[in-house]
PDB file of N, CA and C in Angstrom:
ATOM      1  N   MET A   1      48.814  -9.854 105.997  1.00  0.00           N
ATOM      2  CA  MET A   1      49.460  -8.976 105.050  1.00  0.00           C
ATOM      3  C   MET A   1      50.156  -7.840 105.773  1.00  0.00           C
ATOM      4  N   SER A   2      51.245  -7.454 105.203  1.00  0.00           N
ATOM      5  CA  SER A   2      51.944  -6.327 105.800  1.00  0.00           C
ATOM      6  C   SER A   2      51.315  -5.029 105.328  1.00  0.00           C
ATOM      7  N   GLU A   3      51.709  -4.003 105.966  1.00  0.00           N
ATOM      8  CA  GLU A   3      51.151  -2.683 105.636  1.00  0.00           C
ATOM      9  C   GLU A   3      51.520  -2.276 104.219  1.00  0.00           C
ATOM     10  N   SER A   4      52.716  -2.566 103.788  1.00  0.00           N
ATOM     11  CA  SER A   4      53.143  -2.197 102.425  1.00  0.00           C
ATOM     12  C   SER A   4      52.361  -2.993 101.385  1.00  0.00           C
ATOM     13  N   ASP A   5      52.035  -4.274 101.696  1.00  0.00           N
ATOM     14  CA  ASP A   5      51.209  -5.063 100.772  1.00  0.00           C
ATOM     15  C   ASP A   5      49.811  -4.468 100.638  1.00  0.00           C
ATOM     16  N   GLU A   6      49.261  -4.004 101.717  1.00  0.00           N
ATOM     17  CA  GLU A   6      47.937  -3.378 101.684  1.00  0.00           C
ATOM     18  C   GLU A   6      47.967  -2.082 100.875  1.00  0.00           C
ATOM     19  N   ILE A   7      49.021  -1.325 101.037  1.00  0.00           N
ATOM     20  CA  ILE A   7      49.153  -0.074 100.274  1.00  0.00           C
ATOM     21  C   ILE A   7      49.267  -0.388  98.783  1.00  0.00           C
ATOM     22  N   ILE A   8      50.069  -1.390  98.450  1.00  0.00           N
ATOM     23  CA  ILE A   8      50.229  -1.784  97.056  1.00  0.00           C
ATOM     24  C   ILE A   8      48.908  -2.276  96.486  1.00  0.00           C
ATOM     25  N   LYS A   9      48.181  -3.088  97.247  1.00  0.00           N
ATOM     26  CA  LYS A   9      46.870  -3.579  96.786  1.00  0.00           C
ATOM     27  C   LYS A   9      45.902  -2.426  96.582  1.00  0.00           C
ATOM     28  N   SER A  10      45.894  -1.483  97.505  1.00  0.00           N
ATOM     29  CA  SER A  10      45.015  -0.320  97.394  1.00  0.00           C
ATOM     30  C   SER A  10      45.368   0.507  96.155  1.00  0.00           C
ATOM     31  N   LEU A  11      46.670   0.719  95.937  1.00  0.00           N
ATOM     32  CA  LEU A  11      47.107   1.467  94.761  1.00  0.00           C
ATOM     33  C   LEU A  11      46.742   0.730  93.472  1.00  0.00           C
ATOM     34  N   ARG A  12      46.913  -0.589  93.488  1.00  0.00           N
ATOM     35  CA  ARG A  12      46.576  -1.395  92.315  1.00  0.00           C
ATOM     36  C   ARG A  12      45.079  -1.280  92.011  1.00  0.00           C
ATOM     37  N   ASP A  13      44.248  -1.361  93.044  1.00  0.00           N
ATOM     38  CA  ASP A  13      42.793  -1.237  92.861  1.00  0.00           C
ATOM     39  C   ASP A  13      42.428   0.142  92.316  1.00  0.00           C
ATOM     40  N   LYS A  14      43.053   1.165  92.856  1.00  0.00           N
ATOM     41  CA  LYS A  14      42.783   2.520  92.383  1.00  0.00           C
ATOM     42  C   LYS A  14      43.249   2.702  90.943  1.00  0.00           C
ATOM     43  N   LEU A  15      44.394   2.091  90.606  1.00  0.00           N
ATOM     44  CA  LEU A  15      44.905   2.172  89.250  1.00  0.00           C
ATOM     45  C   LEU A  15      43.956   1.481  88.278  1.00  0.00           C
ATOM     46  N   HIS A  16      43.442   0.322  88.627  1.00  0.00           N
ATOM     47  CA  HIS A  16      42.474  -0.373  87.783  1.00  0.00           C
ATOM     48  C   HIS A  16      41.200   0.459  87.620  1.00  0.00           C
ATOM     49  N   SER A  17      40.787   1.096  88.683  1.00  0.00           N
ATOM     50  CA  SER A  17      39.607   1.949  88.628  1.00  0.00           C
ATOM     51  C   SER A  17      39.838   3.133  87.688  1.00  0.00           C
ATOM     52  N   ILE A  18      41.005   3.740  87.784  1.00  0.00           N
ATOM     53  CA  ILE A  18      41.324   4.880  86.918  1.00  0.00           C
ATOM     54  C   ILE A  18      41.395   4.437  85.455  1.00  0.00           C
ATOM     55  N   ILE A  19      42.004   3.283  85.211  1.00  0.00           N
ATOM     56  CA  ILE A  19      42.088   2.770  83.837  1.00  0.00           C
ATOM     57  C   ILE A  19      40.695   2.503  83.293  1.00  0.00           C
ATOM     58  N   SER A  20      39.831   1.941  84.102  1.00  0.00           N
ATOM     59  CA  SER A  20      38.456   1.673  83.676  1.00  0.00           C
ATOM     60  C   SER A  20      37.728   2.977  83.352  1.00  0.00           C
ATOM     61  N   LEU A  21      37.890   3.976  84.206  1.00  0.00           N
ATOM     62  CA  LEU A  21      37.269   5.282  83.949  1.00  0.00           C
ATOM     63  C   LEU A  21      37.818   5.900  82.670  1.00  0.00           C
ATOM     64  N   TYR A  22      39.118   5.756  82.447  1.00  0.00           N
ATOM     65  CA  TYR A  22      39.739   6.291  81.233  1.00  0.00           C
ATOM     66  C   TYR A  22      39.159   5.609  79.999  1.00  0.00           C
ATOM     67  N   GLU A  23      39.063   4.292  80.026  1.00  0.00           N
ATOM     68  CA  GLU A  23      38.520   3.548  78.877  1.00  0.00           C
ATOM     69  C   GLU A  23      37.077   3.965  78.600  1.00  0.00           C
ATOM     70  N   ASN A  24      36.290   4.136  79.651  1.00  0.00           N
ATOM     71  CA  ASN A  24      34.898   4.576  79.473  1.00  0.00           C
ATOM     72  C   ASN A  24      34.840   5.974  78.873  1.00  0.00           C
ATOM     73  N   ALA A  25      35.690   6.859  79.357  1.00  0.00           N
ATOM     74  CA  ALA A  25      35.713   8.230  78.841  1.00  0.00           C
ATOM     75  C   ALA A  25      36.172   8.237  77.375  1.00  0.00           C
ATOM     76  N   LYS A  26      37.154   7.394  77.055  1.00  0.00           N
ATOM     77  CA  LYS A  26      37.660   7.304  75.690  1.00  0.00           C
ATOM     78  C   LYS A  26      36.562   6.812  74.744  1.00  0.00           C
ATOM     79  N   GLU A  27      35.830   5.789  75.161  1.00  0.00           N
ATOM     80  CA  GLU A  27      34.740   5.258  74.345  1.00  0.00           C
ATOM     81  C   GLU A  27      33.631   6.299  74.171  1.00  0.00           C
ATOM     82  N   ASN A  28      33.303   6.986  75.245  1.00  0.00           N
ATOM     83  CA  ASN A  28      32.291   8.038  75.193  1.00  0.00           C
ATOM     84  C   ASN A  28      32.727   9.147  74.244  1.00  0.00           C
ATOM     85  N   ASN A  29      33.999   9.509  74.275  1.00  0.00           N
ATOM     86  CA  ASN A  29      34.530  10.542  73.389  1.00  0.00           C
ATOM     87  C   ASN A  29      34.411  10.109  71.931  1.00  0.00           C
ATOM     88  N   GLN A  30      34.723   8.850  71.635  1.00  0.00           N
ATOM     89  CA  GLN A  30      34.614   8.349  70.269  1.00  0.00           C
ATOM     90  C   GLN A  30      33.162   8.384  69.799  1.00  0.00           C
ATOM     91  N   ASN A  31      32.249   8.006  70.676  1.00  0.00           N
ATOM     92  CA  ASN A  31      30.827   8.055  70.318  1.00  0.00           C
ATOM     93  C   ASN A  31      30.381   9.483  70.037  1.00  0.00           C
ATOM     94  N   LEU A  32      30.839  10.408  70.861  1.00  0.00           N
ATOM     95  CA  LEU A  32      30.470  11.813  70.662  1.00  0.00           C
ATOM     96  C   LEU A  32      31.083  12.372  69.379  1.00  0.00           C
ATOM     97  N   GLN A  33      32.299  11.950  69.062  1.00  0.00           N
ATOM     98  CA  GLN A  33      32.925  12.390  67.809  1.00  0.00           C
ATOM     99  C   GLN A  33      32.124  11.885  66.607  1.00  0.00           C
ATOM    100  N   ALA A  34      31.697  10.627  66.664  1.00  0.00           N
ATOM    101  CA  ALA A  34      30.904  10.063  65.565  1.00  0.00           C
ATOM    102  C   ALA A  34      29.579  10.802  65.433  1.00  0.00           C
ATOM    103  N   GLU A  35      28.949  11.087  66.552  1.00  0.00           N
ATOM    104  CA  GLU A  35      27.677  11.820  66.527  1.00  0.00           C
ATOM    105  C   GLU A  35      27.888  13.234  65.981  1.00  0.00           C
ATOM    106  N   ASN A  36      28.984  13.864  66.373  1.00  0.00           N
ATOM    107  CA  ASN A  36      29.305  15.208  65.894  1.00  0.00           C
ATOM    108  C   ASN A  36      29.497  15.205  64.381  1.00  0.00           C
ATOM    109  N   ASP A  37      30.226  14.226  63.869  1.00  0.00           N
ATOM    110  CA  ASP A  37      30.426  14.123  62.422  1.00  0.00           C
ATOM    111  C   ASP A  37      29.094  13.943  61.701  1.00  0.00           C
ATOM    112  N   SER A  38      28.254  13.082  62.270  1.00  0.00           N
ATOM    113  CA  SER A  38      26.942  12.838  61.666  1.00  0.00           C
ATOM    114  C   SER A  38      26.106  14.119  61.639  1.00  0.00           C
ATOM    115  N   LEU A  39      26.134  14.859  62.721  1.00  0.00           N
ATOM    116  CA  LEU A  39      25.361  16.099  62.793  1.00  0.00           C
ATOM    117  C   LEU A  39      25.915  17.157  61.844  1.00  0.00           C
ATOM    118  N   ARG A  40      27.227  17.203  61.680  1.00  0.00           N
ATOM    119  CA  ARG A  40      27.821  18.147  60.729  1.00  0.00           C
ATOM    120  C   ARG A  40      27.368  17.836  59.304  1.00  0.00           C
ATOM    121  N   GLN A  41      27.348  16.552  58.963  1.00  0.00           N
ATOM    122  CA  GLN A  41      26.887  16.164  57.634  1.00  0.00           C
ATOM    123  C   GLN A  41      25.419  16.544  57.445  1.00  0.00           C
ATOM    124  N   ARG A  42      24.638  16.351  58.480  1.00  0.00           N
ATOM    125  CA  ARG A  42      23.213  16.702  58.400  1.00  0.00           C
ATOM    126  C   ARG A  42      23.041  18.204  58.207  1.00  0.00           C
ATOM    127  N   VAL A  43      23.837  18.983  58.922  1.00  0.00           N
ATOM    128  CA  VAL A  43      23.763  20.444  58.789  1.00  0.00           C
ATOM    129  C   VAL A  43      24.129  20.857  57.365  1.00  0.00           C
ATOM    130  N   GLU A  44      25.145  20.219  56.784  1.00  0.00           N
ATOM    131  CA  GLU A  44      25.518  20.536  55.401  1.00  0.00           C
ATOM    132  C   GLU A  44      24.373  20.228  54.443  1.00  0.00           C
ATOM    133  N   LYS A  45      23.750  19.067  54.611  1.00  0.00           N
ATOM    134  CA  LYS A  45      22.635  18.694  53.740  1.00  0.00           C
ATOM    135  C   LYS A  45      21.481  19.678  53.896  1.00  0.00           C
ATOM    136  N   GLU A  46      21.154  20.018  55.139  1.00  0.00           N
ATOM    137  CA  GLU A  46      20.059  20.955  55.385  1.00  0.00           C
ATOM    138  C   GLU A  46      20.386  22.325  54.809  1.00  0.00           C
ATOM    139  N   GLY A  47      21.659  22.722  54.886  1.00  0.00           N
ATOM    140  CA  GLY A  47      22.068  24.003  54.323  1.00  0.00           C
ATOM    141  C   GLY A  47      21.866  24.043  52.819  1.00  0.00           C
ATOM    142  N   SER A  48      22.187  22.935  52.157  1.00  0.00           N
ATOM    143  CA  SER A  48      21.989  22.911  50.708  1.00  0.00           C
ATOM    144  C   SER A  48      20.503  22.917  50.367  1.00  0.00           C
ATOM    145  N   VAL A  49      19.693  22.278  51.187  1.00  0.00           N
ATOM    146  CA  VAL A  49      18.239  22.296  50.964  1.00  0.00           C
ATOM    147  C   VAL A  49      17.706  23.712  51.127  1.00  0.00           C
ATOM    148  N   VAL A  50      18.193  24.404  52.151  1.00  0.00           N
ATOM    149  CA  VAL A  50      17.759  25.789  52.383  1.00  0.00           C
ATOM    150  C   VAL A  50      18.159  26.663  51.205  1.00  0.00           C
ATOM    151  N   ALA A  51      19.381  26.487  50.714  1.00  0.00           N
ATOM    152  CA  ALA A  51      19.835  27.298  49.572  1.00  0.00           C
ATOM    153  C   ALA A  51      18.967  27.038  48.340  1.00  0.00           C
ATOM    154  N   GLU A  52      18.644  25.776  48.108  1.00  0.00           N
ATOM    155  CA  GLU A  52      17.800  25.463  46.949  1.00  0.00           C
ATOM    156  C   GLU A  52      16.401  26.052  47.114  1.00  0.00           C
ATOM    157  N   LEU A  53      15.857  25.985  48.321  1.00  0.00           N
ATOM    158  CA  LEU A  53      14.534  26.556  48.555  1.00  0.00           C
ATOM    159  C   LEU A  53      14.550  28.073  48.383  1.00  0.00           C
ATOM    160  N   GLU A  54      15.633  28.710  48.799  1.00  0.00           N
ATOM    161  CA  GLU A  54      15.741  30.158  48.605  1.00  0.00           C
ATOM    162  C   GLU A  54      15.784  30.494  47.118  1.00  0.00           C
ATOM    163  N   ASN A  55      16.509  29.691  46.349  1.00  0.00           N
ATOM    164  CA  ASN A  55      16.553  29.922  44.896  1.00  0.00           C
ATOM    165  C   ASN A  55      15.174  29.729  44.268  1.00  0.00           C
ATOM    166  N   ARG A  56      14.467  28.703  44.712  1.00  0.00           N
ATOM    167  CA  ARG A  56      13.107  28.482  44.201  1.00  0.00           C
ATOM    168  C   ARG A  56      12.200  29.652  44.555  1.00  0.00           C
ATOM    169  N   ASN A  57      12.360  30.152  45.774  1.00  0.00           N
ATOM    170  CA  ASN A  57      11.549  31.282  46.221  1.00  0.00           C
ATOM    171  C   ASN A  57      11.807  32.506  45.352  1.00  0.00           C
ATOM    172  N   LYS A  58      13.082  32.750  45.030  1.00  0.00           N
ATOM    173  CA  LYS A  58      13.407  33.881  44.160  1.00  0.00           C
ATOM    174  C   LYS A  58      12.769  33.698  42.789  1.00  0.00           C
ATOM    175  N   ALA A  59      12.850  32.475  42.277  1.00  0.00           N
ATOM    176  CA  ALA A  59      12.267  32.207  40.958  1.00  0.00           C
ATOM    177  C   ALA A  59      10.753  32.397  40.987  1.00  0.00           C
ATOM    178  N   LEU A  60      10.111  31.938  42.037  1.00  0.00           N
ATOM    179  CA  LEU A  60       8.660  32.113  42.148  1.00  0.00           C
ATOM    180  C   LEU A  60       8.284  33.579  42.255  1.00  0.00           C
ATOM    181  N   ASN A  61       9.050  34.318  43.032  1.00  0.00           N
ATOM    182  CA  ASN A  61       8.772  35.752  43.156  1.00  0.00           C
ATOM    183  C   ASN A  61       8.947  36.456  41.820  1.00  0.00           C
ATOM    184  N   LEU A  62       9.947  36.036  41.069  1.00  0.00           N
ATOM    185  CA  LEU A  62      10.156  36.634  39.756  1.00  0.00           C
ATOM    186  C   LEU A  62       9.011  36.281  38.819  1.00  0.00           C
ATOM    187  N   SER A  63       8.581  35.035  38.837  1.00  0.00           N
ATOM    188  CA  SER A  63       7.470  34.643  37.954  1.00  0.00           C
ATOM    189  C   SER A  63       6.184  35.360  38.346  1.00  0.00           C
ATOM    190  N   ARG A  64       5.999  35.589  39.633  1.00  0.00           N
ATOM    191  CA  ARG A  64       4.813  36.341  40.075  1.00  0.00           C
ATOM    192  C   ARG A  64       4.869  37.771  39.569  1.00  0.00           C
ATOM    193  N   ALA A  65       6.071  38.315  39.482  1.00  0.00           N
ATOM    194  CA  ALA A  65       6.215  39.687  39.003  1.00  0.00           C
ATOM    195  C   ALA A  65       5.747  39.794  37.561  1.00  0.00           C
ATOM    196  N   PHE A  66       5.934  38.752  36.777  1.00  0.00           N
ATOM    197  CA  PHE A  66       5.502  38.775  35.386  1.00  0.00           C
ATOM    198  C   PHE A  66       4.006  38.503  35.238  1.00  0.00           C
ATOM    199  N   LEU A  67       3.420  37.890  36.229  1.00  0.00           N
ATOM    200  CA  LEU A  67       2.004  37.553  36.148  1.00  0.00           C
ATOM    201  C   LEU A  67       1.095  38.631  36.739  1.00  0.00           C
ATOM    202  N   THR A  68       1.660  39.692  37.211  1.00  0.00           N
ATOM    203  CA  THR A  68       0.858  40.734  37.850  1.00  0.00           C
ATOM    204  C   THR A  68       0.205  41.625  36.806  1.00  0.00           C
ATOM    205  N   SER A  69      -0.607  42.516  37.292  1.00  0.00           N
ATOM    206  CA  SER A  69      -1.334  43.423  36.399  1.00  0.00           C
ATOM    207  C   SER A  69      -0.390  44.476  35.826  1.00  0.00           C
ATOM    208  N   SER A  70      -0.917  45.270  34.912  1.00  0.00           N
ATOM    209  CA  SER A  70      -0.102  46.285  34.239  1.00  0.00           C
ATOM    210  C   SER A  70       0.408  47.345  35.211  1.00  0.00           C
ATOM    211  N   GLU A  71      -0.256  47.499  36.332  1.00  0.00           N
ATOM    212  CA  GLU A  71       0.193  48.484  37.325  1.00  0.00           C
ATOM    213  C   GLU A  71       1.541  48.080  37.919  1.00  0.00           C
ATOM    214  N   ASP A  72       1.799  46.782  37.956  1.00  0.00           N
ATOM    215  CA  ASP A  72       3.040  46.303  38.554  1.00  0.00           C
ATOM    216  C   ASP A  72       4.140  46.051  37.530  1.00  0.00           C
ATOM    217  N   VAL A  73       3.948  46.494  36.307  1.00  0.00           N
ATOM    218  CA  VAL A  73       4.936  46.289  35.250  1.00  0.00           C
ATOM    219  C   VAL A  73       6.247  46.980  35.613  1.00  0.00           C
ATOM    220  N   GLN A  74       6.148  48.160  36.176  1.00  0.00           N
ATOM    221  CA  GLN A  74       7.360  48.905  36.553  1.00  0.00           C
ATOM    222  C   GLN A  74       8.151  48.114  37.596  1.00  0.00           C
ATOM    223  N   ASP A  75       7.457  47.544  38.555  1.00  0.00           N
ATOM    224  CA  ASP A  75       8.122  46.731  39.570  1.00  0.00           C
ATOM    225  C   ASP A  75       8.815  45.525  38.928  1.00  0.00           C
ATOM    226  N   ALA A  76       8.155  44.900  37.986  1.00  0.00           N
ATOM    227  CA  ALA A  76       8.742  43.749  37.289  1.00  0.00           C
ATOM    228  C   ALA A  76       9.993  44.167  36.522  1.00  0.00           C
ATOM    229  N   LYS A  77       9.926  45.322  35.870  1.00  0.00           N
ATOM    230  CA  LYS A  77      11.086  45.806  35.123  1.00  0.00           C
ATOM    231  C   LYS A  77      12.267  46.054  36.056  1.00  0.00           C
ATOM    232  N   LEU A  78      11.988  46.627  37.223  1.00  0.00           N
ATOM    233  CA  LEU A  78      13.057  46.864  38.193  1.00  0.00           C
ATOM    234  C   LEU A  78      13.702  45.560  38.644  1.00  0.00           C
ATOM    235  N   LYS A  79      12.852  44.568  38.868  1.00  0.00           N
ATOM    236  CA  LYS A  79      13.384  43.265  39.298  1.00  0.00           C
ATOM    237  C   LYS A  79      14.223  42.628  38.196  1.00  0.00           C
ATOM    238  N   VAL A  80      13.766  42.716  36.970  1.00  0.00           N
ATOM    239  CA  VAL A  80      14.522  42.156  35.851  1.00  0.00           C
ATOM    240  C   VAL A  80      15.849  42.885  35.707  1.00  0.00           C
ATOM    241  N   ASN A  81      15.823  44.212  35.827  1.00  0.00           N
ATOM    242  CA  ASN A  81      17.063  44.979  35.742  1.00  0.00           C
ATOM    243  C   ASN A  81      18.039  44.591  36.848  1.00  0.00           C
ATOM    244  N   LYS A  82      17.510  44.360  38.033  1.00  0.00           N
ATOM    245  CA  LYS A  82      18.357  43.938  39.148  1.00  0.00           C
ATOM    246  C   LYS A  82      18.998  42.585  38.847  1.00  0.00           C
ATOM    247  N   ILE A  83      18.226  41.670  38.310  1.00  0.00           N
ATOM    248  CA  ILE A  83      18.756  40.347  37.974  1.00  0.00           C
ATOM    249  C   ILE A  83      19.816  40.455  36.884  1.00  0.00           C
ATOM    250  N   VAL A  84      19.567  41.299  35.898  1.00  0.00           N
ATOM    251  CA  VAL A  84      20.535  41.484  34.814  1.00  0.00           C
ATOM    252  C   VAL A  84      21.837  42.048  35.381  1.00  0.00           C
ATOM    253  N   ARG A  85      21.750  42.991  36.308  1.00  0.00           N
ATOM    254  CA  ARG A  85      22.956  43.544  36.927  1.00  0.00           C
ATOM    255  C   ARG A  85      23.711  42.465  37.692  1.00  0.00           C
ATOM    256  N   GLU A  86      22.987  41.591  38.410  1.00  0.00           N
ATOM    257  CA  GLU A  86      23.643  40.496  39.127  1.00  0.00           C
ATOM    258  C   GLU A  86      24.342  39.550  38.161  1.00  0.00           C
ATOM    259  N   ILE A  87      23.702  39.266  37.045  1.00  0.00           N
ATOM    260  CA  ILE A  87      24.312  38.395  36.029  1.00  0.00           C
ATOM    261  C   ILE A  87      25.561  39.065  35.464  1.00  0.00           C
ATOM    262  N   ASP A  88      25.483  40.376  35.195  1.00  0.00           N
ATOM    263  CA  ASP A  88      26.652  41.096  34.689  1.00  0.00           C
ATOM    264  C   ASP A  88      27.809  41.046  35.676  1.00  0.00           C
ATOM    265  N   LYS A  89      27.500  41.167  36.965  1.00  0.00           N
ATOM    266  CA  LYS A  89      28.556  41.086  37.998  1.00  0.00           C
ATOM    267  C   LYS A  89      29.184  39.680  37.994  1.00  0.00           C
ATOM    268  N   CYS A  90      28.364  38.671  37.862  1.00  0.00           N
ATOM    269  CA  CYS A  90      28.875  37.293  37.833  1.00  0.00           C
ATOM    270  C   CYS A  90      29.775  37.082  36.623  1.00  0.00           C
ATOM    271  N   ILE A  91      29.361  37.599  35.473  1.00  0.00           N
ATOM    272  CA  ILE A  91      30.168  37.466  34.268  1.00  0.00           C
ATOM    273  C   ILE A  91      31.499  38.196  34.442  1.00  0.00           C
ATOM    274  N   ALA A  92      31.443  39.375  35.045  1.00  0.00           N
ATOM    275  CA  ALA A  92      32.667  40.142  35.272  1.00  0.00           C
ATOM    276  C   ALA A  92      33.615  39.375  36.204  1.00  0.00           C
ATOM    277  N   LEU A  93      33.073  38.737  37.206  1.00  0.00           N
ATOM    278  CA  LEU A  93      33.906  37.949  38.119  1.00  0.00           C
ATOM    279  C   LEU A  93      34.503  36.733  37.412  1.00  0.00           C
ATOM    280  N   LEU A  94      33.755  36.131  36.525  1.00  0.00           N
ATOM    281  CA  LEU A  94      34.258  34.984  35.787  1.00  0.00           C
ATOM    282  C   LEU A  94      35.364  35.377  34.813  1.00  0.00           C
ATOM    283  N   ASN A  95      35.298  36.587  34.285  1.00  0.00           N
ATOM    284  CA  ASN A  95      36.288  37.051  33.325  1.00  0.00           C
ATOM    285  C   ASN A  95      37.594  37.457  33.972  1.00  0.00           C
ATOM    286  N   ARG A  96      37.641  37.587  35.273  1.00  0.00           N
ATOM    287  CA  ARG A  96      38.874  37.992  35.955  1.00  0.00           C
ATOM    288  C   ARG A  96      39.929  36.935  35.865  1.00  0.00           C
TER     289      ARG A  96
END
């Protein structure tokens, strides 16, 4: 083989190697994108679960306020007033 043939063969081998590395990187990127999408969906689901649990916690705390002794009646009234104010704000926002 001549020297130019050897150079061409070497370049061809390197080009095939680079193409193979590119294909592997491309496949790896697609796998990572799919995993990322899956994890984003999981985070959304977990976020909604957390929000629902927080709402349940608020409801439980409110129900506990009503079940307390007469000494805590004032605290319960304050909590109810706070909730009523939040509802009024929501209604005002809806009326805009």
